[in-house]
């Protein structure tokens, strides 16, 4: 199974930190956020990766190289302008080939055991999403997990937040034209059609979306434990 890291966003909420540095290369716990994903994927046995890039793409390309310094093979899917999540995936499909593939948002920090997703129950034309408890900045959640693996679009009684980690069938994007396209409307339609499964992750997860959240995460990761 190949994996794709979504690293093309402008990082507007991270300004001024992202004026001259793409958000995936901001330091978290002493190393670039993107490198945490590369190392976690490598540890889980994923060796063929695709990374998309748009904002300050040349820095992403220079950092990734061909991936060999991590024992990986990395192809960069460069976008002239950010294509949003679904648009970026559609452009990268030729690099991902015909089998289901793992997708990870670059702007999260999460020690998720990616190897668990190799055997995810994924419909042939759908997806499998990893959900987590709603953080303070997103209390309404995104989707609802009714039972093990069963999703519905949204129900306030059991809504959870999408972690930015999922497995996608290429067929989910069949017939969609290239260009800027968000992912959530596509997922909502697929969930209504019964084409999406999910699981609940209760471990650590951070949406590193603002300078304040970045500082809080770094303080937590870099401060020695004191009893």
C-alpha atoms as a PDB file:
ATOM      1  CA  UNK A   1       0.000   0.000   0.000  1.00  0.00           C
ATOM      2  CA  UNK A   2       1.278   3.473  -0.900  1.00  0.00           C
ATOM      3  CA  UNK A   3       0.766   6.539   1.265  1.00  0.00           C
ATOM      4  CA  UNK A   4       0.167  10.205   0.462  1.00  0.00           C
ATOM      5  CA  UNK A   5       0.978  13.138   2.742  1.00  0.00           C
ATOM      6  CA  UNK A   6      -1.054  16.261   2.059  1.00  0.00           C
ATOM      7  CA  UNK A   7       1.427  19.126   2.367  1.00  0.00           C
ATOM      8  CA  UNK A   8       0.213  21.709  -0.152  1.00  0.00           C
ATOM      9  CA  UNK A   9      -1.753  24.119   2.049  1.00  0.00           C
ATOM     10  CA  UNK A  10      -0.858  27.800   2.415  1.00  0.00           C
ATOM     11  CA  UNK A  11      -0.975  27.713   6.216  1.00  0.00           C
ATOM     12  CA  UNK A  12      -2.776  31.073   6.438  1.00  0.00           C
ATOM     13  CA  UNK A  13      -3.734  30.576  10.080  1.00  0.00           C
ATOM     14  CA  UNK A  14      -0.063  29.990  10.875  1.00  0.00           C
ATOM     15  CA  UNK A  15       1.095  33.394   9.646  1.00  0.00           C
ATOM     16  CA  UNK A  16       3.620  34.919  10.127  1.00  0.00           C
ATOM     17  CA  UNK A  17       5.394  31.565  10.696  1.00  0.00           C
ATOM     18  CA  UNK A  18       4.458  30.311   7.231  1.00  0.00           C
ATOM     19  CA  UNK A  19       5.414  33.444   5.317  1.00  0.00           C
ATOM     20  CA  UNK A  20       8.798  31.924   4.484  1.00  0.00           C
ATOM     21  CA  UNK A  21       8.401  28.330   5.645  1.00  0.00           C
ATOM     22  CA  UNK A  22       5.712  25.819   4.560  1.00  0.00           C
ATOM     23  CA  UNK A  23       3.683  24.593   7.520  1.00  0.00           C
ATOM     24  CA  UNK A  24       4.818  20.939   7.167  1.00  0.00           C
ATOM     25  CA  UNK A  25       8.407  22.063   7.787  1.00  0.00           C
ATOM     26  CA  UNK A  26       7.692  23.893  11.043  1.00  0.00           C
ATOM     27  CA  UNK A  27       9.499  22.317  13.971  1.00  0.00           C
ATOM     28  CA  UNK A  28       7.560  20.035  16.320  1.00  0.00           C
ATOM     29  CA  UNK A  29       9.432  18.316  19.115  1.00  0.00           C
ATOM     30  CA  UNK A  30      12.780  19.170  17.556  1.00  0.00           C
ATOM     31  CA  UNK A  31      12.133  18.014  13.995  1.00  0.00           C
ATOM     32  CA  UNK A  32       9.956  19.170  11.057  1.00  0.00           C
ATOM     33  CA  UNK A  33       6.340  18.100  11.318  1.00  0.00           C
ATOM     34  CA  UNK A  34       6.595  16.404   7.930  1.00  0.00           C
ATOM     35  CA  UNK A  35       9.498  14.271   9.150  1.00  0.00           C
ATOM     36  CA  UNK A  36       7.393  12.871  11.993  1.00  0.00           C
ATOM     37  CA  UNK A  37       5.022  11.463   9.364  1.00  0.00           C
ATOM     38  CA  UNK A  38       7.849  10.096   7.230  1.00  0.00           C
ATOM     39  CA  UNK A  39       9.367   8.279  10.203  1.00  0.00           C
ATOM     40  CA  UNK A  40       6.019   6.942  11.447  1.00  0.00           C
ATOM     41  CA  UNK A  41       5.123   5.659   7.999  1.00  0.00           C
ATOM     42  CA  UNK A  42       8.520   4.031   7.571  1.00  0.00           C
ATOM     43  CA  UNK A  43       8.189   2.340  10.973  1.00  0.00           C
ATOM     44  CA  UNK A  44       4.806   0.956   9.861  1.00  0.00           C
ATOM     45  CA  UNK A  45       6.272  -0.521   6.694  1.00  0.00           C
ATOM     46  CA  UNK A  46       5.180   2.125   4.195  1.00  0.00           C
ATOM     47  CA  UNK A  47       8.078   2.825   1.848  1.00  0.00           C
ATOM     48  CA  UNK A  48       6.476   4.315  -1.284  1.00  0.00           C
ATOM     49  CA  UNK A  49       5.130   7.798  -0.563  1.00  0.00           C
ATOM     50  CA  UNK A  50       3.641  10.713  -2.455  1.00  0.00           C
ATOM     51  CA  UNK A  51       3.843  14.226  -0.996  1.00  0.00           C
ATOM     52  CA  UNK A  52       1.940  17.075  -2.650  1.00  0.00           C
ATOM     53  CA  UNK A  53       3.297  20.596  -2.512  1.00  0.00           C
ATOM     54  CA  UNK A  54       2.198  24.065  -3.595  1.00  0.00           C
ATOM     55  CA  UNK A  55       3.042  26.871  -1.142  1.00  0.00           C
ATOM     56  CA  UNK A  56       6.848  27.226  -1.105  1.00  0.00           C
ATOM     57  CA  UNK A  57       6.914  23.881  -2.913  1.00  0.00           C
ATOM     58  CA  UNK A  58      10.618  24.090  -3.630  1.00  0.00           C
ATOM     59  CA  UNK A  59      11.319  23.796   0.113  1.00  0.00           C
ATOM     60  CA  UNK A  60       9.155  20.663   0.372  1.00  0.00           C
ATOM     61  CA  UNK A  61      10.905  19.171  -2.656  1.00  0.00           C
ATOM     62  CA  UNK A  62      14.371  19.973  -1.302  1.00  0.00           C
ATOM     63  CA  UNK A  63      13.532  18.508   2.097  1.00  0.00           C
ATOM     64  CA  UNK A  64      12.045  15.286   0.721  1.00  0.00           C
ATOM     65  CA  UNK A  65      14.521  14.686  -2.073  1.00  0.00           C
ATOM     66  CA  UNK A  66      13.918  11.169  -3.321  1.00  0.00           C
ATOM     67  CA  UNK A  67      13.343   9.900   0.231  1.00  0.00           C
ATOM     68  CA  UNK A  68      16.453   7.758   0.283  1.00  0.00           C
ATOM     69  CA  UNK A  69      17.907   9.312   3.445  1.00  0.00           C
ATOM     70  CA  UNK A  70      14.987   7.749   5.343  1.00  0.00           C
ATOM     71  CA  UNK A  71      15.021   4.531   3.337  1.00  0.00           C
ATOM     72  CA  UNK A  72      11.902   5.695   1.467  1.00  0.00           C
ATOM     73  CA  UNK A  73      10.898   6.359  -2.119  1.00  0.00           C
ATOM     74  CA  UNK A  74       9.176   9.761  -2.321  1.00  0.00           C
ATOM     75  CA  UNK A  75       7.498  11.334  -5.340  1.00  0.00           C
ATOM     76  CA  UNK A  76       6.419  14.973  -5.037  1.00  0.00           C
ATOM     77  CA  UNK A  77       3.167  15.993  -6.732  1.00  0.00           C
ATOM     78  CA  UNK A  78       3.660  19.702  -7.338  1.00  0.00           C
ATOM     79  CA  UNK A  79       0.601  21.955  -7.675  1.00  0.00           C
ATOM     80  CA  UNK A  80       0.843  25.440  -9.227  1.00  0.00           C
ATOM     81  CA  UNK A  81      -1.804  26.524  -6.718  1.00  0.00           C
ATOM     82  CA  UNK A  82      -3.216  24.555  -3.755  1.00  0.00           C
ATOM     83  CA  UNK A  83      -5.986  22.303  -5.092  1.00  0.00           C
ATOM     84  CA  UNK A  84      -7.641  21.570  -1.716  1.00  0.00           C
ATOM     85  CA  UNK A  85      -7.702  18.038  -0.386  1.00  0.00           C
ATOM     86  CA  UNK A  86      -9.695  16.121  -3.022  1.00  0.00           C
ATOM     87  CA  UNK A  87      -8.149  18.110  -5.866  1.00  0.00           C
ATOM     88  CA  UNK A  88      -4.663  17.306  -4.644  1.00  0.00           C
ATOM     89  CA  UNK A  89      -5.457  13.621  -4.381  1.00  0.00           C
ATOM     90  CA  UNK A  90      -6.988  13.556  -7.883  1.00  0.00           C
ATOM     91  CA  UNK A  91      -3.873  15.137  -9.383  1.00  0.00           C
ATOM     92  CA  UNK A  92      -1.661  12.583  -7.603  1.00  0.00           C
ATOM     93  CA  UNK A  93      -3.683   9.500  -8.601  1.00  0.00           C
ATOM     94  CA  UNK A  94      -1.279   8.495 -11.413  1.00  0.00           C
ATOM     95  CA  UNK A  95       1.480   8.278  -8.781  1.00  0.00           C
ATOM     96  CA  UNK A  96      -0.714   6.253  -6.398  1.00  0.00           C
ATOM     97  CA  UNK A  97      -1.722   3.608  -8.979  1.00  0.00           C
ATOM     98  CA  UNK A  98      -4.812   1.409  -8.722  1.00  0.00           C
ATOM     99  CA  UNK A  99      -4.849   0.032  -5.161  1.00  0.00           C
ATOM    100  CA  UNK A 100      -6.274   1.684  -2.015  1.00  0.00           C
ATOM    101  CA  UNK A 101      -3.823   4.149  -0.475  1.00  0.00           C
ATOM    102  CA  UNK A 102      -3.276   5.795   2.892  1.00  0.00           C
ATOM    103  CA  UNK A 103      -3.705   9.581   3.204  1.00  0.00           C
ATOM    104  CA  UNK A 104      -2.296  11.692   6.058  1.00  0.00           C
ATOM    105  CA  UNK A 105      -2.709  15.429   6.544  1.00  0.00           C
ATOM    106  CA  UNK A 106       0.716  16.996   7.078  1.00  0.00           C
ATOM    107  CA  UNK A 107      -0.618  19.503   9.615  1.00  0.00           C
ATOM    108  CA  UNK A 108      -1.474  17.003  12.332  1.00  0.00           C
ATOM    109  CA  UNK A 109       0.674  15.369  14.983  1.00  0.00           C
ATOM    110  CA  UNK A 110      -0.421  11.862  15.893  1.00  0.00           C
ATOM    111  CA  UNK A 111       1.484   8.675  16.828  1.00  0.00           C
ATOM    112  CA  UNK A 112      -1.136   6.536  15.087  1.00  0.00           C
ATOM    113  CA  UNK A 113      -0.008   2.952  14.307  1.00  0.00           C
ATOM    114  CA  UNK A 114      -0.421   3.169  10.540  1.00  0.00           C
ATOM    115  CA  UNK A 115       0.126  -0.555  10.100  1.00  0.00           C
ATOM    116  CA  UNK A 116      -3.402  -1.080  11.479  1.00  0.00           C
ATOM    117  CA  UNK A 117      -4.820   0.436   8.306  1.00  0.00           C
ATOM    118  CA  UNK A 118      -3.377  -2.162   5.954  1.00  0.00           C
ATOM    119  CA  UNK A 119      -6.332  -4.447   6.703  1.00  0.00           C
ATOM    120  CA  UNK A 120      -9.016  -1.771   7.058  1.00  0.00           C
ATOM    121  CA  UNK A 121     -12.537  -2.757   5.952  1.00  0.00           C
ATOM    122  CA  UNK A 122     -12.888  -0.427   2.978  1.00  0.00           C
ATOM    123  CA  UNK A 123     -15.691  -0.634   0.388  1.00  0.00           C
ATOM    124  CA  UNK A 124     -14.434  -1.067  -3.163  1.00  0.00           C
ATOM    125  CA  UNK A 125     -15.501   2.459  -4.157  1.00  0.00           C
ATOM    126  CA  UNK A 126     -15.104   4.152  -0.795  1.00  0.00           C
ATOM    127  CA  UNK A 127     -12.895   5.017   2.144  1.00  0.00           C
ATOM    128  CA  UNK A 128     -12.026   4.198   5.739  1.00  0.00           C
ATOM    129  CA  UNK A 129     -11.608   7.170   8.103  1.00  0.00           C
ATOM    130  CA  UNK A 130      -9.885   7.502  11.471  1.00  0.00           C
ATOM    131  CA  UNK A 131     -11.932   9.678  13.845  1.00  0.00           C
ATOM    132  CA  UNK A 132     -11.081  11.127  17.235  1.00  0.00           C
ATOM    133  CA  UNK A 133     -12.788  12.928  20.124  1.00  0.00           C
ATOM    134  CA  UNK A 134     -13.743  16.500  19.310  1.00  0.00           C
ATOM    135  CA  UNK A 135     -11.125  19.075  20.358  1.00  0.00           C
ATOM    136  CA  UNK A 136     -12.086  22.369  21.976  1.00  0.00           C
ATOM    137  CA  UNK A 137     -11.637  24.291  18.730  1.00  0.00           C
ATOM    138  CA  UNK A 138     -13.950  21.901  16.797  1.00  0.00           C
ATOM    139  CA  UNK A 139     -16.668  20.790  19.241  1.00  0.00           C
ATOM    140  CA  UNK A 140     -19.273  19.912  16.614  1.00  0.00           C
ATOM    141  CA  UNK A 141     -17.170  17.194  14.954  1.00  0.00           C
ATOM    142  CA  UNK A 142     -17.301  16.067  11.320  1.00  0.00           C
ATOM    143  CA  UNK A 143     -18.882  12.618  11.045  1.00  0.00           C
ATOM    144  CA  UNK A 144     -20.696  10.180  13.309  1.00  0.00           C
ATOM    145  CA  UNK A 145     -19.521   6.702  14.206  1.00  0.00           C
ATOM    146  CA  UNK A 146     -22.656   4.757  15.085  1.00  0.00           C
ATOM    147  CA  UNK A 147     -20.893   1.501  15.890  1.00  0.00           C
ATOM    148  CA  UNK A 148     -17.655  -0.236  15.026  1.00  0.00           C
ATOM    149  CA  UNK A 149     -16.904   0.772  11.422  1.00  0.00           C
ATOM    150  CA  UNK A 150     -20.395   2.200  10.696  1.00  0.00           C
ATOM    151  CA  UNK A 151     -20.488   5.901   9.765  1.00  0.00           C
ATOM    152  CA  UNK A 152     -23.211   8.412   9.020  1.00  0.00           C
ATOM    153  CA  UNK A 153     -22.764  11.981   7.788  1.00  0.00           C
ATOM    154  CA  UNK A 154     -23.420  13.804  11.076  1.00  0.00           C
ATOM    155  CA  UNK A 155     -25.353  13.234  14.276  1.00  0.00           C
ATOM    156  CA  UNK A 156     -24.688  15.575  17.187  1.00  0.00           C
ATOM    157  CA  UNK A 157     -25.183  12.733  19.661  1.00  0.00           C
ATOM    158  CA  UNK A 158     -22.183  10.768  18.380  1.00  0.00           C
ATOM    159  CA  UNK A 159     -20.180  13.172  16.213  1.00  0.00           C
ATOM    160  CA  UNK A 160     -16.402  12.796  16.109  1.00  0.00           C
ATOM    161  CA  UNK A 161     -13.621  14.704  14.350  1.00  0.00           C
ATOM    162  CA  UNK A 162     -11.808  13.425  11.283  1.00  0.00           C
ATOM    163  CA  UNK A 163      -8.127  13.067  12.166  1.00  0.00           C
ATOM    164  CA  UNK A 164      -6.870  13.661   8.648  1.00  0.00           C
ATOM    165  CA  UNK A 165      -5.902   9.972   8.426  1.00  0.00           C
ATOM    166  CA  UNK A 166      -7.744   7.611   6.112  1.00  0.00           C
ATOM    167  CA  UNK A 167      -7.527   4.925   3.462  1.00  0.00           C
ATOM    168  CA  UNK A 168      -9.070   5.719   0.082  1.00  0.00           C
ATOM    169  CA  UNK A 169     -10.010   3.659  -2.942  1.00  0.00           C
ATOM    170  CA  UNK A 170      -8.989   5.319  -6.223  1.00  0.00           C
ATOM    171  CA  UNK A 171     -12.486   4.494  -7.477  1.00  0.00           C
ATOM    172  CA  UNK A 172     -13.934   7.050  -5.043  1.00  0.00           C
ATOM    173  CA  UNK A 173     -12.536   9.752  -7.340  1.00  0.00           C
ATOM    174  CA  UNK A 174     -13.581   8.193 -10.656  1.00  0.00           C
ATOM    175  CA  UNK A 175     -15.127  10.693 -13.037  1.00  0.00           C
ATOM    176  CA  UNK A 176     -14.082  13.761 -11.058  1.00  0.00           C
ATOM    177  CA  UNK A 177     -12.345  16.444 -13.060  1.00  0.00           C
ATOM    178  CA  UNK A 178      -9.015  17.921 -12.063  1.00  0.00           C
ATOM    179  CA  UNK A 179      -8.905  21.263 -10.291  1.00  0.00           C
ATOM    180  CA  UNK A 180      -9.546  22.659  -6.840  1.00  0.00           C
ATOM    181  CA  UNK A 181     -12.003  20.451  -4.947  1.00  0.00           C
ATOM    182  CA  UNK A 182     -12.682  19.975  -1.203  1.00  0.00           C
ATOM    183  CA  UNK A 183     -12.922  16.473   0.234  1.00  0.00           C
ATOM    184  CA  UNK A 184     -15.761  16.688   2.767  1.00  0.00           C
ATOM    185  CA  UNK A 185     -18.676  17.023   0.290  1.00  0.00           C
ATOM    186  CA  UNK A 186     -17.354  13.972  -1.545  1.00  0.00           C
ATOM    187  CA  UNK A 187     -17.146  12.022   1.715  1.00  0.00           C
ATOM    188  CA  UNK A 188     -20.630  13.117   2.789  1.00  0.00           C
ATOM    189  CA  UNK A 189     -22.087  11.724  -0.439  1.00  0.00           C
ATOM    190  CA  UNK A 190     -20.089   8.519  -0.108  1.00  0.00           C
ATOM    191  CA  UNK A 191     -21.228   8.031   3.500  1.00  0.00           C
ATOM    192  CA  UNK A 192     -24.869   8.454   2.455  1.00  0.00           C
ATOM    193  CA  UNK A 193     -24.271   5.742  -0.149  1.00  0.00           C
ATOM    194  CA  UNK A 194     -22.794   3.398   2.501  1.00  0.00           C
ATOM    195  CA  UNK A 195     -19.304   3.539   0.992  1.00  0.00           C
ATOM    196  CA  UNK A 196     -17.328   4.729   4.035  1.00  0.00           C
ATOM    197  CA  UNK A 197     -16.268   2.907   7.182  1.00  0.00           C
ATOM    198  CA  UNK A 198     -14.394   4.294  10.180  1.00  0.00           C
ATOM    199  CA  UNK A 199     -12.722   3.707  13.507  1.00  0.00           C
ATOM    200  CA  UNK A 200     -12.294   5.678  16.737  1.00  0.00           C
ATOM    201  CA  UNK A 201      -8.740   6.655  17.744  1.00  0.00           C
ATOM    202  CA  UNK A 202      -8.479   7.548  21.441  1.00  0.00           C
ATOM    203  CA  UNK A 203      -4.735   8.211  21.519  1.00  0.00           C
ATOM    204  CA  UNK A 204      -2.864  11.486  21.148  1.00  0.00           C
ATOM    205  CA  UNK A 205      -3.830  13.733  18.250  1.00  0.00           C
ATOM    206  CA  UNK A 206      -3.214  17.416  17.597  1.00  0.00           C
ATOM    207  CA  UNK A 207      -4.389  19.644  14.785  1.00  0.00           C
ATOM    208  CA  UNK A 208      -1.337  21.889  14.494  1.00  0.00           C
ATOM    209  CA  UNK A 209      -3.340  24.688  12.892  1.00  0.00           C
ATOM    210  CA  UNK A 210      -2.328  27.872  14.703  1.00  0.00           C
ATOM    211  CA  UNK A 211       0.838  29.312  16.277  1.00  0.00           C
ATOM    212  CA  UNK A 212      -0.760  28.910  19.699  1.00  0.00           C
ATOM    213  CA  UNK A 213      -1.420  25.199  19.175  1.00  0.00           C
ATOM    214  CA  UNK A 214       2.071  24.730  17.778  1.00  0.00           C
ATOM    215  CA  UNK A 215       3.593  26.391  20.863  1.00  0.00           C
ATOM    216  CA  UNK A 216       1.430  24.327  23.207  1.00  0.00           C
ATOM    217  CA  UNK A 217       2.441  21.082  21.476  1.00  0.00           C
ATOM    218  CA  UNK A 218       6.121  21.986  21.531  1.00  0.00           C
ATOM    219  CA  UNK A 219       5.944  22.910  25.199  1.00  0.00           C
ATOM    220  CA  UNK A 220       4.392  19.538  25.943  1.00  0.00           C
ATOM    221  CA  UNK A 221       6.833  17.518  23.843  1.00  0.00           C
ATOM    222  CA  UNK A 222       9.984  19.377  24.847  1.00  0.00           C
ATOM    223  CA  UNK A 223       9.322  19.890  28.571  1.00  0.00           C
ATOM    224  CA  UNK A 224      10.894  17.087  30.648  1.00  0.00           C
ATOM    225  CA  UNK A 225       8.461  15.172  32.840  1.00  0.00           C
ATOM    226  CA  UNK A 226       8.550  16.235  36.454  1.00  0.00           C
ATOM    227  CA  UNK A 227       6.914  14.227  39.208  1.00  0.00           C
END
